[in-house]
Amino acid sequence: MKTNLLFDFIVDKPSKTVFVNREFNAALPLVWDAFTKQEILDQWWAPKPFASKTKVMNFEVGGRRFYAMVSPEGNEHWAIQKYTSISPKTNFKMLNAFADADENPQLPGSDWDFNFSEENGITKVNIIIKNDSLERMEQMIEMGFQGGFTMTLNYLDTLLETLSKK
């Protein structure tokens, strides 16, 4: 079992891009499902103590996920993800934007590009997040995106370990 799994989080302000590279000690089909199935996403897609609550999700080109990160006090922070490209088990792309509770996006958003590969039972996920503006990217960073997303991916790692044993 590989214990020194890759985890890079690189912020490139000149290109308004964030690069996240993360390995998981789990098979690719399970990792893919964790990123693309509502019932699994809602178990990890929010930094604790927040919870993820999906209102609508249809994972298909042109489809969307409308969800909230819910604080322990019940405050909801909504976002919408619109799927723009899907190559099963290898790649999907989406536009991600903050939104209000009525699904009105707060633009600009960011373009997310997820790439999946597996070698010797280790699945690597490369995520490229391109922001329309430096202001949008700095807003993400100021809101604690790096720490929150790191925490969230670590929760996914724990969840994958549990799901792999089933």
Protein backbone atom coordinates (compact mmCIF):
# COMPACT_ATOMS: atom_id res chain seq x y z
CA MET A 1 0.00 0.00 0.00
CA LYS A 2 1.42 3.35 -1.03
CA THR A 3 1.40 5.80 1.87
CA ASN A 4 3.21 8.78 0.34
CA LEU A 5 0.48 9.79 -2.06
CA LEU A 6 1.00 12.81 -4.30
CA PHE A 7 -0.74 16.03 -3.35
CA ASP A 8 0.16 19.30 -5.09
CA PHE A 9 -1.79 22.55 -4.86
CA ILE A 10 -0.33 25.25 -7.10
CA VAL A 11 -1.73 28.77 -7.52
CA ASP A 12 -0.55 30.49 -10.70
CA LYS A 13 -1.79 34.09 -10.49
CA PRO A 14 -0.45 35.22 -13.91
CA SER A 15 -2.57 32.56 -15.67
CA LYS A 16 -5.45 32.85 -13.13
CA THR A 17 -5.21 29.08 -12.72
CA VAL A 18 -5.09 26.66 -9.80
CA PHE A 19 -3.58 23.21 -10.33
CA VAL A 20 -4.48 20.39 -7.94
CA ASN A 21 -2.84 16.99 -8.35
CA ARG A 22 -3.93 14.27 -5.92
CA GLU A 23 -3.42 10.53 -5.73
CA PHE A 24 -5.85 8.16 -4.02
CA ASN A 25 -5.21 4.61 -2.87
CA ALA A 26 -8.35 3.37 -4.66
CA ALA A 27 -9.36 1.97 -8.02
CA LEU A 28 -10.27 4.43 -10.76
CA PRO A 29 -13.96 3.40 -11.08
CA LEU A 30 -14.54 4.14 -7.38
CA VAL A 31 -12.72 7.50 -7.53
CA TRP A 32 -14.66 8.43 -10.69
CA ASP A 33 -17.94 7.59 -8.94
CA ALA A 34 -16.92 9.71 -5.95
CA PHE A 35 -16.64 12.75 -8.22
CA THR A 36 -19.70 12.03 -10.38
CA LYS A 37 -22.43 10.44 -8.22
CA GLN A 38 -24.58 12.58 -5.96
CA GLU A 39 -24.88 10.02 -3.17
CA ILE A 40 -21.08 9.90 -2.79
CA LEU A 41 -20.39 13.60 -3.51
CA ASP A 42 -22.69 14.65 -0.69
CA GLN A 43 -20.57 12.62 1.73
CA TRP A 44 -17.36 14.58 1.10
CA TRP A 45 -17.69 17.70 -1.14
CA ALA A 46 -17.48 20.23 1.74
CA PRO A 47 -14.86 20.95 4.37
CA LYS A 48 -15.95 19.89 7.85
CA PRO A 49 -17.91 21.04 9.77
CA PHE A 50 -19.87 21.99 6.61
CA ALA A 51 -22.04 19.41 4.85
CA SER A 52 -22.80 19.13 1.14
CA LYS A 53 -26.47 19.04 0.12
CA THR A 54 -27.35 18.50 -3.54
CA LYS A 55 -30.71 19.81 -4.70
CA VAL A 56 -30.36 18.78 -8.38
CA MET A 57 -27.78 16.70 -10.21
CA ASN A 58 -27.72 15.20 -13.67
CA PHE A 59 -24.22 14.20 -14.69
CA GLU A 60 -24.37 14.53 -18.46
CA VAL A 61 -23.10 17.04 -20.99
CA GLY A 62 -25.37 20.06 -20.59
CA GLY A 63 -26.46 18.81 -17.16
CA ARG A 64 -25.81 20.40 -13.82
CA ARG A 65 -25.34 20.00 -10.10
CA PHE A 66 -26.95 22.62 -7.88
CA TYR A 67 -25.84 22.21 -4.30
CA ALA A 68 -25.17 24.00 -1.05
CA MET A 69 -22.44 23.80 1.51
CA VAL A 70 -24.37 23.97 4.76
CA SER A 71 -22.79 25.28 7.96
CA PRO A 72 -23.55 23.68 11.35
CA GLU A 73 -25.82 26.69 12.01
CA GLY A 74 -27.79 25.92 8.84
CA ASN A 75 -26.39 28.72 6.64
CA GLU A 76 -26.40 27.65 3.00
CA HIS A 77 -23.71 28.68 0.50
CA TRP A 78 -25.01 27.70 -2.95
CA ALA A 79 -23.08 26.84 -6.10
CA ILE A 80 -23.91 25.52 -9.54
CA GLN A 81 -21.78 23.25 -11.69
CA LYS A 82 -22.64 22.96 -15.37
CA TYR A 83 -21.11 19.94 -17.12
CA THR A 84 -19.58 20.88 -20.47
CA SER A 85 -17.68 17.71 -21.44
CA ILE A 86 -17.57 14.10 -20.23
CA SER A 87 -15.26 11.28 -21.30
CA PRO A 88 -16.24 8.42 -18.96
CA LYS A 89 -13.60 7.35 -16.44
CA THR A 90 -10.96 9.73 -17.85
CA ASN A 91 -12.14 13.35 -17.90
CA PHE A 92 -14.96 15.76 -17.27
CA LYS A 93 -15.20 19.53 -17.43
CA MET A 94 -17.57 21.93 -15.78
CA LEU A 95 -18.25 25.57 -15.17
CA ASN A 96 -18.48 26.26 -11.44
CA ALA A 97 -20.05 29.42 -10.04
CA PHE A 98 -21.37 30.63 -6.73
CA ALA A 99 -25.15 31.07 -6.83
CA ASP A 100 -28.10 32.18 -4.79
CA ALA A 101 -30.75 29.81 -3.44
CA ASP A 102 -32.81 30.32 -6.62
CA GLU A 103 -29.98 28.98 -8.82
CA ASN A 104 -28.96 32.39 -10.20
CA PRO A 105 -25.20 32.20 -10.78
CA GLN A 106 -22.91 34.90 -9.48
CA LEU A 107 -20.56 35.32 -12.39
CA PRO A 108 -17.76 35.17 -13.21
CA GLY A 109 -17.22 31.52 -12.46
CA SER A 110 -14.34 29.18 -13.07
CA ASP A 111 -13.73 26.34 -15.52
CA TRP A 112 -12.76 23.05 -13.91
CA ASP A 113 -11.04 20.27 -15.86
CA PHE A 114 -10.78 16.89 -14.08
CA ASN A 115 -8.44 14.19 -15.44
CA PHE A 116 -8.33 10.67 -14.02
CA SER A 117 -5.71 7.94 -14.48
CA GLU A 118 -4.76 4.78 -12.62
CA GLU A 119 -1.49 2.95 -12.20
CA ASN A 120 -0.93 -0.03 -9.89
CA GLY A 121 -4.17 0.58 -7.99
CA ILE A 122 -3.37 4.25 -7.34
CA THR A 123 -5.72 6.72 -9.01
CA LYS A 124 -4.41 10.17 -9.87
CA VAL A 125 -6.78 13.09 -10.25
CA ASN A 126 -5.44 16.22 -11.92
CA ILE A 127 -7.69 19.25 -11.59
CA ILE A 128 -7.12 22.48 -13.50
CA ILE A 129 -9.24 25.43 -12.35
CA LYS A 130 -9.16 28.40 -14.74
CA ASN A 131 -10.70 31.61 -13.49
CA ASP A 132 -12.24 34.27 -15.72
CA SER A 133 -10.64 36.97 -13.63
CA LEU A 134 -7.82 37.39 -11.14
CA GLU A 135 -10.39 38.98 -8.82
CA ARG A 136 -12.51 35.77 -8.86
CA MET A 137 -9.43 33.62 -8.17
CA GLU A 138 -8.28 35.87 -5.32
CA GLN A 139 -11.81 35.74 -3.87
CA MET A 140 -11.61 31.92 -3.88
CA ILE A 141 -8.20 31.97 -2.20
CA GLU A 142 -9.30 34.56 0.39
CA MET A 143 -12.32 32.42 1.26
CA GLY A 144 -9.90 29.66 2.26
CA PHE A 145 -10.24 27.53 -0.85
CA GLN A 146 -6.80 25.92 -0.54
CA GLY A 147 -7.26 24.82 3.06
CA GLY A 148 -10.90 23.87 2.56
CA PHE A 149 -10.30 21.88 -0.63
CA THR A 150 -7.27 20.17 0.91
CA MET A 151 -9.41 19.15 3.89
CA THR A 152 -12.20 18.03 1.57
CA LEU A 153 -9.88 15.83 -0.52
CA ASN A 154 -8.49 14.30 2.67
CA TYR A 155 -12.07 13.41 3.70
CA LEU A 156 -12.52 11.82 0.30
CA ASP A 157 -9.38 9.75 0.92
CA THR A 158 -10.89 8.43 4.18
CA LEU A 159 -14.26 7.77 2.52
CA LEU A 160 -12.60 5.88 -0.36
CA GLU A 161 -10.81 3.68 2.16
CA THR A 162 -14.16 2.84 3.77
CA LEU A 163 -15.93 2.28 0.43
CA SER A 164 -13.08 0.09 -0.87
CA LYS A 165 -13.65 -2.34 2.01
CA LYS A 166 -17.34 -2.85 1.13
